[in-house]
Amino acid sequence: MKAISLFLLLFLTEIPYGTIVEARFTHLNPEPFNLGVRVLRPVYAIVPVTRDGVRNVTVVMTIWLKRVGAANGVYDMPHQSQAEHFRTRSLMQTRRGYGYVWDNVHSRGFPRNWVLPKMWGCLCCGMHAEADLKGTPPDAWKDAIRMTVWVDNPVNLFQRTNGHLLLPTEHDKWSPTFHLETTHPGPLLPVVMETGDYHYRRVWGVGQRPYSFRVNLTAGTGDCFKIVEASYPMHKNTFCLPPAAFDSVCSTLAPAHIYTNEEPALYTVVGPIRHPESSRDWSGYYSKVSGMVVNYVTYHVAMGSSGLLLYADEMMRKHFGANQELLGLMEKGYLRLIDWDLPERAHNDTDGVGRPLGYNYDQGLVSNHILLALSSCGANLLVLIGDLDEFIYFPKPGRRWPKPWMRCMGGGEGSPLEPITVHRIHRFNAATTKFNPSYEPTLWTIPGTLNARINSNGTIETVPKGAVPHPLVQYDVLGTQPLPINQVKQASLPAAWIVLFWVHEGVPLYGKANMVNFKCVSILHIPNEFRGRYSAVDDKSLGSGMRYFRHWMFLTPNSTNASLWEP
């Protein structure tokens, strides 16, 4: 027991990377990360006909922009280190819908000794796979700007589906028409959509998913631009983005000397934790949420995660900065607050459409934002987009990240032209028979220690003695079957340029998706963490479809009940 406790204490206090270069931590005012993303708002356009039949409506767009390009990173995917030789044929003309052809590389003029990193060398036929691309002539490589675009209809701010935002019209009915102005005498650059029929067929429902665009920059275009939408050709939004090679986000989150394509960094991502009822008691609410965040982060770090990327507005950042435990996690790099300024948009259901916009109405935008922001990172970084009531779980006792990546998740697998870049993970409801569901939210607001053990008689010991145990110690019941297939969560390589993401799934422009065996990785979903809505006990016995469960982290190594499934 002493050895296990010492290991956990050392594990939780170790800093996995060096100096944090993108934020400063001042009491009550932790500066957020913007992840190198530029936001433009408002940008106007005219929609000929909205989904509710109104014609010629001026809509308001928000555009998030990220400059991507060849950083000559050790773990870059081929499309991230593209040269002009690769631009000769667009895959818009093929079944893939977007991208570039990577076959017959040498015939396009690349020397035989130009090679790609180990994991991705197979993508370029005939190329050796042991070195990198650092010897590439600098003028051969060009940047691009990727864009995520959302459109709001001021005439109807409450267009929605299942409590989430809905576009004024479908993608196939209308999309913005952009071009990019460069400084005189530079060219006008076309902006093209990244998505096509191939991608739309792989998701259900499109109207709740933002648009994805891309513009390839030419040599000498500079760092400042004006973007123009065809409906208002004299309206121009200006912005400046430095070359992608200057971006330090990826080297901060996943330094190549620590994380590799075989042992990548894994970050969880959670959207802004707003009050579900738009309450004025934000001080009391964020005090409770702070405890939840502490419990979430310490658990995931103990399971091997690199940390949490938490989207937060100014008020959230101020309250989280007042919590010493959260501030400590920020200083160690385990918790990073991502700058997010979209407001609350609660309303009453007066139009009869159904469930109003919820506290997480912009969850799809958050997901696409993080995937855009990290799309310049290499294959040594994954993100798992989820919620504060979801906890990654590796059923085999003692197994922590990154061991499952290569052993059973499918990391590094796939055909030569379609590596697996998206990993879909089953969720299981978890509950406790020890507390009434109405008390569970309180249980999670109290930060608890992971240095806890469940004895054979059911009692709990902690180090130090008498400390509050982590809430997961109390959870002893789990669903026998995973939640429906359309409610999985997705661990993605942002390097694969994931588009059309909404809550549970998105589509990679490069590579393909894989359903992970739940005996390898699963997600424990705590349905009562925010409000009591589910009971595991029915007439003093387990409810239908439930089984007894204990997390192996809190059991002795030789326990026969240490895992959900036999390894």
Protein backbone atom coordinates (compact mmCIF):
# COMPACT_ATOMS: atom_id res chain seq x y z
CA MET A 1 0.00 0.00 0.00
CA LYS A 2 2.81 2.40 0.88
CA ALA A 3 4.48 1.74 -2.45
CA ILE A 4 1.27 2.36 -4.36
CA SER A 5 0.61 5.58 -2.46
CA LEU A 6 4.14 6.84 -3.05
CA PHE A 7 3.84 6.09 -6.76
CA LEU A 8 0.60 8.04 -7.07
CA LEU A 9 1.98 10.99 -5.14
CA LEU A 10 5.07 11.13 -7.34
CA PHE A 11 2.97 10.65 -10.47
CA LEU A 12 0.65 13.50 -9.64
CA THR A 13 3.42 15.95 -8.87
CA GLU A 14 5.64 15.25 -11.87
CA ILE A 15 5.70 17.93 -14.58
CA PRO A 16 5.83 16.14 -17.96
CA TYR A 17 7.24 19.05 -19.92
CA GLY A 18 9.36 22.11 -19.40
CA THR A 19 8.64 25.79 -19.45
CA ILE A 20 5.11 26.86 -20.34
CA VAL A 21 5.54 29.55 -22.93
CA GLU A 22 2.00 30.61 -23.81
CA ALA A 23 0.42 31.76 -20.56
CA ARG A 24 1.21 33.49 -17.31
CA PHE A 25 -0.44 32.56 -14.05
CA THR A 26 -1.38 35.38 -11.75
CA HIS A 27 -3.64 34.89 -8.76
CA LEU A 28 -7.25 35.59 -9.76
CA ASN A 29 -6.29 36.26 -13.37
CA PRO A 30 -4.79 33.28 -15.24
CA GLU A 31 -4.22 34.29 -18.85
CA PRO A 32 -5.90 31.99 -21.37
CA PHE A 33 -4.49 30.25 -24.39
CA ASN A 34 -5.87 31.23 -27.78
CA LEU A 35 -4.01 28.35 -29.47
CA GLY A 36 -2.91 30.58 -32.34
CA VAL A 37 -6.47 30.96 -33.67
CA ARG A 38 -7.69 34.32 -34.98
CA VAL A 39 -11.42 35.09 -34.76
CA LEU A 40 -13.29 37.47 -37.08
CA ARG A 41 -16.73 38.72 -36.10
CA PRO A 42 -19.01 40.01 -37.52
CA VAL A 43 -18.71 39.04 -41.19
CA TYR A 44 -21.84 39.50 -43.27
CA ALA A 45 -23.43 37.52 -46.10
CA ILE A 46 -26.83 37.12 -47.74
CA VAL A 47 -28.66 33.78 -47.69
CA PRO A 48 -31.13 33.56 -50.62
CA VAL A 49 -33.60 31.38 -48.69
CA THR A 50 -33.38 30.27 -45.04
CA ARG A 51 -34.66 26.95 -43.77
CA ASP A 52 -37.84 28.69 -42.52
CA GLY A 53 -38.56 30.16 -45.95
CA VAL A 54 -37.43 33.78 -45.48
CA ARG A 55 -35.70 35.21 -48.56
CA ASN A 56 -32.58 37.34 -48.89
CA VAL A 57 -31.65 37.39 -45.22
CA THR A 58 -28.45 39.09 -44.12
CA VAL A 59 -26.69 36.70 -41.78
CA VAL A 60 -23.79 37.21 -39.38
CA MET A 61 -20.79 34.93 -39.56
CA THR A 62 -18.02 34.10 -37.11
CA ILE A 63 -14.80 32.90 -38.71
CA TRP A 64 -12.01 31.16 -36.83
CA LEU A 65 -8.72 31.04 -38.75
CA LYS A 66 -5.54 29.04 -38.21
CA ARG A 67 -2.41 29.27 -40.33
CA VAL A 68 -0.95 25.82 -40.96
CA GLY A 69 2.06 24.66 -42.89
CA ALA A 70 5.32 22.83 -42.89
CA ALA A 71 7.01 23.06 -39.54
CA ASN A 72 9.32 20.21 -40.55
CA GLY A 73 8.17 18.44 -37.42
CA VAL A 74 9.38 14.93 -36.82
CA TYR A 75 5.81 13.66 -36.67
CA ASP A 76 4.19 15.74 -39.42
CA MET A 77 1.75 13.90 -41.66
CA PRO A 78 2.44 14.17 -45.41
CA HIS A 79 -0.25 16.75 -46.16
CA GLN A 80 1.17 18.99 -43.41
CA SER A 81 4.56 19.15 -45.12
CA GLN A 82 3.29 19.64 -48.63
CA ALA A 83 5.33 21.23 -51.40
CA GLU A 84 4.24 22.75 -54.66
CA HIS A 85 4.93 19.41 -56.34
CA PHE A 86 2.06 17.95 -54.32
CA ARG A 87 -0.47 20.53 -55.46
CA THR A 88 -0.88 19.31 -59.01
CA ARG A 89 -4.00 17.23 -58.48
CA SER A 90 -6.84 17.87 -56.08
CA LEU A 91 -8.67 14.93 -54.64
CA MET A 92 -11.88 16.88 -55.11
CA GLN A 93 -11.85 15.04 -58.44
CA THR A 94 -11.76 11.69 -56.66
CA ARG A 95 -13.91 9.83 -54.17
CA ARG A 96 -12.12 11.31 -51.16
CA GLY A 97 -13.57 14.78 -51.73
CA TYR A 98 -10.52 16.80 -50.67
CA GLY A 99 -6.82 16.56 -50.19
CA TYR A 100 -3.83 15.71 -52.33
CA VAL A 101 -2.60 12.64 -54.10
CA TRP A 102 0.43 11.13 -52.41
CA ASP A 103 1.21 8.33 -54.79
CA ASN A 104 4.12 8.34 -57.21
CA VAL A 105 6.01 10.87 -55.09
CA HIS A 106 9.39 10.45 -56.68
CA SER A 107 8.06 11.02 -60.18
CA ARG A 108 7.05 14.52 -59.08
CA GLY A 109 10.63 15.56 -58.63
CA PHE A 110 11.47 14.63 -55.05
CA PRO A 111 14.94 13.16 -54.51
CA ARG A 112 15.12 9.57 -53.36
CA ASN A 113 16.71 10.58 -50.09
CA TRP A 114 13.77 12.75 -49.02
CA VAL A 115 11.86 10.63 -46.56
CA LEU A 116 8.95 10.84 -44.16
CA PRO A 117 8.72 10.01 -40.46
CA LYS A 118 8.49 6.40 -39.41
CA MET A 119 4.74 6.12 -38.93
CA TRP A 120 3.73 7.93 -42.09
CA GLY A 121 6.38 6.79 -44.53
CA CYS A 122 4.02 4.15 -45.89
CA LEU A 123 1.73 6.88 -47.19
CA CYS A 124 4.18 7.83 -49.89
CA CYS A 125 4.89 4.83 -52.02
CA GLY A 126 8.50 3.77 -52.24
CA MET A 127 9.76 6.25 -49.67
CA HIS A 128 12.09 5.04 -46.97
CA ALA A 129 10.72 5.70 -43.48
CA GLU A 130 13.45 6.49 -41.04
CA ALA A 131 14.35 10.20 -41.32
CA ASP A 132 12.53 13.50 -41.68
CA LEU A 133 12.11 16.35 -44.13
CA LYS A 134 14.43 18.92 -42.62
CA GLY A 135 16.61 19.10 -45.74
CA THR A 136 13.76 20.46 -47.83
CA PRO A 137 14.41 23.73 -49.70
CA PRO A 138 12.57 26.45 -47.70
CA ASP A 139 11.03 28.07 -50.78
CA ALA A 140 9.36 24.79 -51.78
CA TRP A 141 7.01 24.81 -48.79
CA LYS A 142 3.91 26.97 -48.52
CA ASP A 143 1.47 27.75 -45.75
CA ALA A 144 -2.29 27.56 -45.88
CA ILE A 145 -5.06 29.11 -43.80
CA ARG A 146 -7.80 26.81 -42.56
CA MET A 147 -11.13 28.29 -41.47
CA THR A 148 -14.11 27.18 -39.41
CA VAL A 149 -17.21 29.25 -40.17
CA TRP A 150 -20.47 29.52 -38.25
CA VAL A 151 -23.51 31.44 -39.52
CA ASP A 152 -26.17 33.06 -37.29
CA ASN A 153 -29.50 34.37 -38.49
CA PRO A 154 -30.34 37.61 -36.58
CA VAL A 155 -34.00 37.18 -37.54
CA ASN A 156 -34.10 33.88 -35.64
CA LEU A 157 -31.38 33.50 -33.03
CA PHE A 158 -32.94 30.32 -31.64
CA GLN A 159 -32.76 27.98 -34.63
CA ARG A 160 -31.71 24.74 -32.99
CA THR A 161 -31.71 20.97 -32.81
CA ASN A 162 -31.54 19.04 -29.53
CA GLY A 163 -30.58 22.22 -27.66
CA HIS A 164 -27.71 23.03 -30.03
CA LEU A 165 -27.31 25.73 -32.67
CA LEU A 166 -28.60 25.12 -36.19
CA LEU A 167 -27.45 26.87 -39.35
CA PRO A 168 -29.96 29.08 -41.22
CA THR A 169 -29.81 26.60 -44.13
CA GLU A 170 -28.18 23.32 -45.08
CA HIS A 171 -24.66 23.05 -46.50
CA ASP A 172 -25.96 21.79 -49.85
CA LYS A 173 -28.43 24.69 -50.15
CA TRP A 174 -25.99 27.54 -49.57
CA SER A 175 -22.46 28.20 -48.41
CA PRO A 176 -20.45 31.43 -48.13
CA THR A 177 -18.32 32.47 -51.12
CA PHE A 178 -15.02 33.93 -49.94
CA HIS A 179 -11.83 35.19 -51.46
CA LEU A 180 -8.71 36.46 -49.78
CA GLU A 181 -7.02 39.71 -50.69
CA THR A 182 -3.24 39.97 -50.40
CA THR A 183 -1.18 43.12 -50.45
CA HIS A 184 -0.79 44.80 -53.85
CA PRO A 185 0.35 43.59 -56.32
CA GLY A 186 -0.31 40.15 -54.88
CA PRO A 187 -3.10 37.87 -56.13
CA LEU A 188 -6.70 37.37 -55.04
CA LEU A 189 -6.71 33.89 -53.53
CA PRO A 190 -9.71 31.54 -53.83
CA VAL A 191 -11.11 30.01 -50.66
CA VAL A 192 -12.41 26.46 -51.14
CA MET A 193 -14.60 24.22 -49.00
CA GLU A 194 -12.80 21.28 -47.47
CA THR A 195 -15.87 19.04 -47.36
CA GLY A 196 -17.62 17.11 -50.10
CA ASP A 197 -20.22 14.39 -50.59
CA TYR A 198 -17.87 11.74 -49.25
CA HIS A 199 -17.69 13.49 -45.88
CA TYR A 200 -21.39 14.40 -45.64
CA ARG A 201 -22.36 10.76 -46.12
CA ARG A 202 -20.41 9.84 -43.01
CA VAL A 203 -22.35 11.93 -40.51
CA TRP A 204 -25.98 12.17 -39.56
CA GLY A 205 -27.41 15.66 -39.83
CA VAL A 206 -25.34 18.49 -41.29
CA GLY A 207 -27.18 21.67 -40.31
CA GLN A 208 -25.66 21.72 -36.81
CA ARG A 209 -22.08 21.42 -38.12
CA PRO A 210 -19.96 24.45 -39.13
CA TYR A 211 -18.40 24.97 -42.55
CA SER A 212 -14.72 24.23 -43.17
CA PHE A 213 -12.69 26.23 -45.70
CA ARG A 214 -9.09 26.44 -46.78
CA VAL A 215 -6.94 28.79 -48.83
CA ASN A 216 -3.46 27.93 -50.09
CA LEU A 217 -1.05 30.82 -49.75
CA THR A 218 1.42 31.60 -52.48
CA ALA A 219 4.99 32.76 -52.04
CA GLY A 220 5.45 36.35 -50.97
CA THR A 221 1.85 36.96 -49.85
CA GLY A 222 2.92 38.30 -46.46
CA ASP A 223 1.22 37.93 -43.10
CA CYS A 224 -1.79 40.29 -43.39
CA PHE A 225 -4.94 39.76 -45.43
CA LYS A 226 -8.49 40.91 -46.07
CA ILE A 227 -11.30 38.39 -46.37
CA VAL A 228 -14.31 39.22 -48.54
CA GLU A 229 -17.68 37.47 -48.91
CA ALA A 230 -19.31 37.84 -52.31
CA SER A 231 -22.61 39.19 -50.95
CA TYR A 232 -20.88 42.32 -49.64
CA PRO A 233 -17.79 42.84 -51.81
CA MET A 234 -16.96 46.20 -50.20
CA HIS A 235 -17.08 44.78 -46.66
CA LYS A 236 -13.62 43.55 -45.76
CA ASN A 237 -12.36 42.05 -42.52
CA THR A 238 -8.65 42.37 -41.97
CA PHE A 239 -6.41 40.02 -40.03
CA CYS A 240 -2.76 39.08 -39.69
CA LEU A 241 -1.34 35.62 -39.07
CA PRO A 242 2.41 34.98 -38.84
CA PRO A 243 3.96 32.02 -40.67
CA ALA A 244 3.01 28.63 -39.29
CA ALA A 245 6.64 27.88 -38.52
CA PHE A 246 6.51 30.53 -35.76
CA ASP A 247 3.64 28.82 -33.94
CA SER A 248 4.75 27.33 -30.61
CA VAL A 249 1.44 25.75 -29.60
CA CYS A 250 2.30 22.22 -30.72
CA SER A 251 5.81 22.21 -29.32
CA THR A 252 4.36 23.37 -25.98
CA LEU A 253 1.58 20.79 -25.78
CA ALA A 254 3.47 17.86 -27.32
CA PRO A 255 7.24 18.42 -27.42
CA ALA A 256 8.76 15.89 -29.80
CA HIS A 257 11.47 14.84 -27.35
CA ILE A 258 8.77 13.62 -24.93
CA TYR A 259 5.85 12.51 -27.09
CA THR A 260 6.09 10.37 -30.21
CA ASN A 261 3.69 8.83 -32.71
CA GLU A 262 3.94 5.60 -30.71
CA GLU A 263 3.51 7.32 -27.34
CA PRO A 264 1.48 10.46 -28.14
CA ALA A 265 0.20 13.11 -25.80
CA LEU A 266 -3.48 12.71 -24.95
CA TYR A 267 -5.45 15.80 -23.94
CA THR A 268 -9.09 15.81 -22.92
CA VAL A 269 -11.19 18.78 -24.07
CA VAL A 270 -14.26 20.19 -22.30
CA GLY A 271 -16.40 23.14 -23.34
CA PRO A 272 -17.40 26.07 -21.09
CA ILE A 273 -19.13 24.86 -17.92
CA ARG A 274 -22.02 27.29 -17.79
CA HIS A 275 -24.85 27.13 -15.29
CA PRO A 276 -27.68 25.07 -16.83
CA GLU A 277 -30.31 27.55 -15.64
CA SER A 278 -28.60 30.88 -16.36
CA SER A 279 -28.48 31.63 -12.64
CA ARG A 280 -27.15 34.85 -11.10
CA ASP A 281 -25.44 32.78 -8.40
CA TRP A 282 -22.33 32.32 -10.46
CA SER A 283 -20.00 32.64 -7.46
CA GLY A 284 -21.59 29.68 -5.69
CA TYR A 285 -21.84 27.71 -8.92
CA TYR A 286 -18.21 28.13 -9.95
CA SER A 287 -17.08 27.30 -6.43
CA LYS A 288 -18.76 23.91 -6.86
CA VAL A 289 -17.51 23.47 -10.42
CA SER A 290 -13.94 24.15 -9.27
CA GLY A 291 -14.08 21.02 -7.13
CA MET A 292 -15.42 19.01 -10.05
CA VAL A 293 -12.59 20.20 -12.27
CA VAL A 294 -9.99 19.24 -9.64
CA ASN A 295 -11.44 15.72 -9.41
CA TYR A 296 -11.57 15.43 -13.20
CA VAL A 297 -8.01 16.60 -13.85
CA THR A 298 -6.27 14.65 -11.08
CA TYR A 299 -7.95 11.43 -12.18
CA HIS A 300 -7.07 11.81 -15.85
CA VAL A 301 -3.47 12.76 -15.12
CA ALA A 302 -3.19 9.66 -12.92
CA MET A 303 -4.48 7.59 -15.87
CA GLY A 304 -1.74 9.00 -18.09
CA SER A 305 -3.43 11.97 -19.76
CA SER A 306 -1.31 15.05 -20.47
CA GLY A 307 -4.02 17.33 -19.13
CA LEU A 308 -7.31 19.11 -19.73
CA LEU A 309 -7.95 21.88 -22.26
CA LEU A 310 -10.91 23.68 -20.70
CA TYR A 311 -12.77 26.37 -22.64
CA ALA A 312 -13.58 29.32 -20.40
CA ASP A 313 -14.80 32.90 -20.62
CA GLU A 314 -13.48 35.79 -18.53
CA MET A 315 -15.77 35.15 -15.58
CA MET A 316 -14.88 31.46 -15.42
CA ARG A 317 -11.18 32.25 -15.57
CA LYS A 318 -11.48 34.74 -12.71
CA HIS A 319 -13.25 32.25 -10.45
CA PHE A 320 -10.99 29.34 -11.35
CA GLY A 321 -7.98 31.57 -10.68
CA ALA A 322 -9.22 32.07 -7.12
CA ASN A 323 -8.99 28.34 -6.44
CA GLN A 324 -5.51 27.39 -5.24
CA GLU A 325 -5.83 23.75 -6.30
CA LEU A 326 -6.81 24.72 -9.84
CA LEU A 327 -4.07 27.32 -9.96
CA GLY A 328 -1.57 24.65 -8.99
CA LEU A 329 -2.79 22.40 -11.79
CA MET A 330 -2.44 25.29 -14.23
CA GLU A 331 1.09 26.02 -13.13
CA LYS A 332 2.04 22.39 -13.76
CA GLY A 333 0.45 22.41 -17.21
CA TYR A 334 -2.23 19.85 -16.33
CA LEU A 335 -5.01 22.40 -16.79
CA ARG A 336 -5.06 25.00 -19.56
CA LEU A 337 -7.87 27.52 -19.98
CA ILE A 338 -8.75 28.15 -23.62
CA ASP A 339 -10.05 31.63 -24.47
CA TRP A 340 -13.72 31.38 -25.49
CA ASP A 341 -15.98 34.41 -25.63
CA LEU A 342 -19.33 33.12 -26.92
CA PRO A 343 -22.09 34.19 -24.50
CA GLU A 344 -24.95 32.37 -22.81
CA ARG A 345 -27.93 32.07 -25.17
CA ALA A 346 -30.69 30.69 -22.96
CA HIS A 347 -34.33 31.36 -23.84
CA ASN A 348 -37.82 30.05 -23.24
CA ASP A 349 -39.44 27.54 -25.56
CA THR A 350 -42.05 29.97 -26.88
CA ASP A 351 -41.81 28.89 -30.52
CA GLY A 352 -42.83 25.27 -29.93
CA VAL A 353 -39.70 23.90 -31.60
CA GLY A 354 -38.70 21.89 -28.53
CA ARG A 355 -35.70 21.78 -26.24
CA PRO A 356 -34.30 25.34 -25.96
CA LEU A 357 -30.65 26.17 -26.52
CA GLY A 358 -28.78 24.70 -23.58
CA TYR A 359 -25.79 25.74 -21.53
CA ASN A 360 -23.69 23.76 -24.04
CA TYR A 361 -25.39 25.07 -27.17
CA ASP A 362 -21.98 25.74 -28.76
CA GLN A 363 -20.46 22.32 -28.03
CA GLY A 364 -20.08 21.61 -31.73
CA LEU A 365 -18.25 24.92 -32.26
CA VAL A 366 -15.89 24.19 -29.37
CA SER A 367 -15.09 20.79 -30.87
CA ASN A 368 -14.34 22.19 -34.30
CA HIS A 369 -12.31 25.02 -32.77
CA ILE A 370 -9.91 22.71 -30.93
CA LEU A 371 -9.52 20.48 -33.98
CA LEU A 372 -8.76 23.53 -36.11
CA ALA A 373 -6.38 25.01 -33.53
CA LEU A 374 -4.28 21.85 -33.27
CA SER A 375 -4.44 20.87 -36.95
CA SER A 376 -0.85 22.05 -37.40
CA CYS A 377 0.38 19.59 -34.74
CA GLY A 378 1.88 16.27 -35.69
CA ALA A 379 0.86 12.66 -35.16
CA ASN A 380 2.19 12.75 -31.59
CA LEU A 381 -0.90 14.50 -30.17
CA LEU A 382 -4.48 13.28 -29.68
CA VAL A 383 -7.52 14.99 -28.23
CA LEU A 384 -10.52 13.34 -26.61
CA ILE A 385 -13.47 15.74 -26.76
CA GLY A 386 -15.98 15.12 -24.01
CA ASP A 387 -17.68 16.39 -20.88
CA LEU A 388 -16.80 16.87 -17.22
CA ASP A 389 -18.91 13.82 -16.29
CA GLU A 390 -16.90 11.43 -18.52
CA PHE A 391 -13.79 9.58 -17.36
CA ILE A 392 -11.48 7.56 -19.57
CA TYR A 393 -11.03 3.99 -18.36
CA PHE A 394 -8.61 1.23 -19.32
CA PRO A 395 -10.16 -2.06 -18.12
CA LYS A 396 -6.90 -3.99 -17.76
CA PRO A 397 -5.67 -3.41 -14.19
CA GLY A 398 -2.63 -1.17 -14.00
CA ARG A 399 -2.75 -0.12 -17.65
CA ARG A 400 -2.42 3.60 -18.20
CA TRP A 401 -1.95 5.84 -21.21
CA PRO A 402 -0.08 5.53 -23.57
CA LYS A 403 0.11 1.73 -23.37
CA PRO A 404 -3.31 1.11 -25.00
CA TRP A 405 -2.41 3.24 -28.04
CA MET A 406 -0.24 0.72 -29.84
CA ARG A 407 -1.45 -2.41 -28.03
CA CYS A 408 -5.18 -2.36 -28.70
CA MET A 409 -6.49 1.04 -29.92
CA GLY A 410 -5.16 0.80 -33.45
CA GLY A 411 -2.47 3.45 -33.21
CA GLY A 412 -0.25 3.30 -36.27
CA GLU A 413 -2.58 0.88 -38.05
CA GLY A 414 -4.58 1.15 -41.26
CA SER A 415 -3.88 0.73 -44.93
CA PRO A 416 -1.00 2.65 -46.53
CA LEU A 417 -3.33 5.28 -47.99
CA GLU A 418 -5.77 5.34 -45.06
CA PRO A 419 -4.16 5.25 -41.63
CA ILE A 420 -6.48 5.18 -38.64
CA THR A 421 -6.68 8.76 -37.42
CA VAL A 422 -10.01 8.75 -35.54
CA HIS A 423 -10.77 6.38 -32.66
CA ARG A 424 -14.37 6.05 -31.45
CA ILE A 425 -14.78 4.99 -27.84
CA HIS A 426 -17.80 3.40 -26.16
CA ARG A 427 -19.40 4.95 -23.07
CA PHE A 428 -20.88 3.10 -20.08
CA ASN A 429 -23.11 4.61 -17.41
CA ALA A 430 -21.62 4.36 -13.91
CA ALA A 431 -23.53 4.79 -10.64
CA THR A 432 -23.26 4.28 -6.90
CA THR A 433 -25.48 2.36 -4.51
CA LYS A 434 -23.96 4.19 -1.53
CA PHE A 435 -25.65 7.56 -2.04
CA ASN A 436 -28.99 8.88 -3.18
CA PRO A 437 -28.74 10.25 -6.74
CA SER A 438 -29.72 13.69 -5.48
CA TYR A 439 -26.54 13.78 -3.36
CA GLU A 440 -24.13 12.75 -6.11
CA PRO A 441 -23.61 16.31 -7.43
CA THR A 442 -22.44 17.36 -3.96
CA LEU A 443 -20.10 14.38 -3.83
CA TRP A 444 -18.28 15.63 -6.94
CA THR A 445 -17.83 19.21 -5.73
CA ILE A 446 -15.42 18.12 -2.97
CA PRO A 447 -11.85 17.50 -4.21
CA GLY A 448 -10.79 14.01 -3.19
CA THR A 449 -7.54 12.09 -3.00
CA LEU A 450 -6.68 9.23 -5.36
CA ASN A 451 -4.57 7.71 -2.57
CA ALA A 452 -7.49 5.58 -1.46
CA ARG A 453 -8.10 1.86 -1.14
CA ILE A 454 -11.28 -0.18 -0.84
CA ASN A 455 -10.93 -2.96 1.74
CA SER A 456 -12.53 -6.38 1.40
CA ASN A 457 -15.25 -5.34 3.84
CA GLY A 458 -16.11 -2.28 1.76
CA THR A 459 -14.51 0.31 4.01
CA ILE A 460 -12.24 2.94 2.47
CA GLU A 461 -8.77 3.91 3.67
CA THR A 462 -6.99 7.06 2.52
CA VAL A 463 -3.52 8.56 2.76
CA PRO A 464 -3.40 10.71 4.76
CA LYS A 465 -5.84 8.96 7.06
CA GLY A 466 -9.23 10.64 7.18
CA ALA A 467 -8.82 12.49 3.87
CA VAL A 468 -11.76 12.76 1.51
CA PRO A 469 -11.46 10.00 -1.12
CA HIS A 470 -11.91 10.70 -4.81
CA PRO A 471 -15.61 10.39 -5.75
CA LEU A 472 -14.96 7.49 -8.14
CA VAL A 473 -14.08 5.34 -5.12
CA GLN A 474 -17.79 5.33 -4.30
CA TYR A 475 -18.94 4.06 -7.69
CA ASP A 476 -19.77 0.37 -7.58
CA VAL A 477 -22.27 -0.18 -10.40
CA LEU A 478 -21.87 -0.09 -14.17
CA GLY A 479 -24.03 -0.72 -17.19
CA THR A 480 -23.63 -4.13 -18.78
CA GLN A 481 -23.99 -2.64 -22.24
CA PRO A 482 -22.49 0.52 -23.73
CA LEU A 483 -24.62 3.52 -24.62
CA PRO A 484 -25.96 3.57 -28.20
CA ILE A 485 -23.45 3.66 -31.03
CA ASN A 486 -24.40 7.24 -31.92
CA GLN A 487 -23.32 8.34 -28.44
CA VAL A 488 -19.67 7.30 -28.58
CA LYS A 489 -16.91 9.83 -28.02
CA GLN A 490 -14.00 10.34 -30.36
CA ALA A 491 -10.25 10.49 -29.77
CA SER A 492 -8.77 12.20 -32.81
CA LEU A 493 -5.47 13.17 -34.34
CA PRO A 494 -6.05 16.85 -35.18
CA ALA A 495 -3.21 16.42 -37.68
CA ALA A 496 -5.68 14.49 -39.84
CA TRP A 497 -7.79 17.66 -40.25
CA ILE A 498 -11.10 16.57 -38.71
CA VAL A 499 -14.20 18.32 -40.09
CA LEU A 500 -17.97 18.30 -39.54
CA PHE A 501 -17.58 17.51 -35.85
CA TRP A 502 -20.64 17.66 -33.64
CA VAL A 503 -20.63 16.29 -30.07
CA HIS A 504 -20.03 12.62 -30.85
CA GLU A 505 -18.28 12.33 -34.19
CA GLY A 506 -16.43 14.05 -37.01
CA VAL A 507 -14.78 13.03 -40.28
CA PRO A 508 -11.03 13.08 -41.00
CA LEU A 509 -9.91 14.55 -44.31
CA TYR A 510 -6.95 12.19 -44.09
CA GLY A 511 -7.24 8.64 -42.80
CA LYS A 512 -10.26 6.82 -41.47
CA ALA A 513 -12.18 6.04 -38.28
CA ASN A 514 -11.89 2.99 -36.06
CA MET A 515 -14.28 1.69 -33.39
CA VAL A 516 -12.16 0.81 -30.37
CA ASN A 517 -12.89 -2.45 -28.55
CA PHE A 518 -14.41 -1.53 -25.18
CA LYS A 519 -12.13 -4.05 -23.48
CA CYS A 520 -9.24 -1.81 -24.51
CA VAL A 521 -10.59 1.66 -23.70
CA SER A 522 -13.97 2.85 -22.49
CA ILE A 523 -15.48 5.97 -20.97
CA LEU A 524 -17.23 5.95 -17.61
CA HIS A 525 -20.20 8.31 -17.82
CA ILE A 526 -21.52 9.69 -14.51
CA PRO A 527 -25.12 10.72 -15.35
CA ASN A 528 -25.76 12.16 -11.87
CA GLU A 529 -22.67 14.35 -11.55
CA PHE A 530 -24.56 17.59 -12.22
CA ARG A 531 -28.06 16.56 -11.20
CA GLY A 532 -29.72 13.43 -9.85
CA ARG A 533 -31.51 11.88 -12.80
CA TYR A 534 -30.77 8.17 -12.63
CA SER A 535 -30.98 5.46 -9.95
CA ALA A 536 -28.90 2.29 -10.02
CA VAL A 537 -31.02 0.57 -7.39
CA ASP A 538 -34.53 -0.77 -7.97
CA ASP A 539 -36.35 -2.16 -4.91
CA LYS A 540 -33.04 -2.63 -3.05
CA SER A 541 -31.50 -4.58 -5.92
CA LEU A 542 -29.58 -3.60 -9.00
CA GLY A 543 -31.63 -2.12 -11.79
CA SER A 544 -31.96 -3.90 -15.10
CA GLY A 545 -28.82 -3.88 -17.23
CA MET A 546 -26.46 -3.06 -14.34
CA ARG A 547 -23.62 -5.02 -12.70
CA TYR A 548 -21.33 -4.52 -9.75
CA PHE A 549 -18.04 -2.80 -10.48
CA ARG A 550 -14.95 -1.40 -8.81
CA HIS A 551 -12.21 0.64 -10.43
CA TRP A 552 -8.90 -1.22 -10.23
CA MET A 553 -7.15 2.01 -9.21
CA PHE A 554 -8.70 1.71 -5.75
CA LEU A 555 -8.21 -2.02 -5.19
CA THR A 556 -5.26 -4.12 -4.12
CA PRO A 557 -3.29 -5.56 -7.05
CA ASN A 558 -4.47 -9.13 -6.37
CA SER A 559 -8.16 -8.29 -6.13
CA THR A 560 -10.42 -10.53 -8.22
CA ASN A 561 -12.85 -7.67 -8.74
CA ALA A 562 -10.33 -5.20 -10.11
CA SER A 563 -11.71 -4.71 -13.57
CA LEU A 564 -14.91 -4.36 -15.52
CA TRP A 565 -13.91 -7.07 -18.00
CA GLU A 566 -11.47 -9.89 -17.83
CA PRO A 567 -8.30 -8.76 -19.70
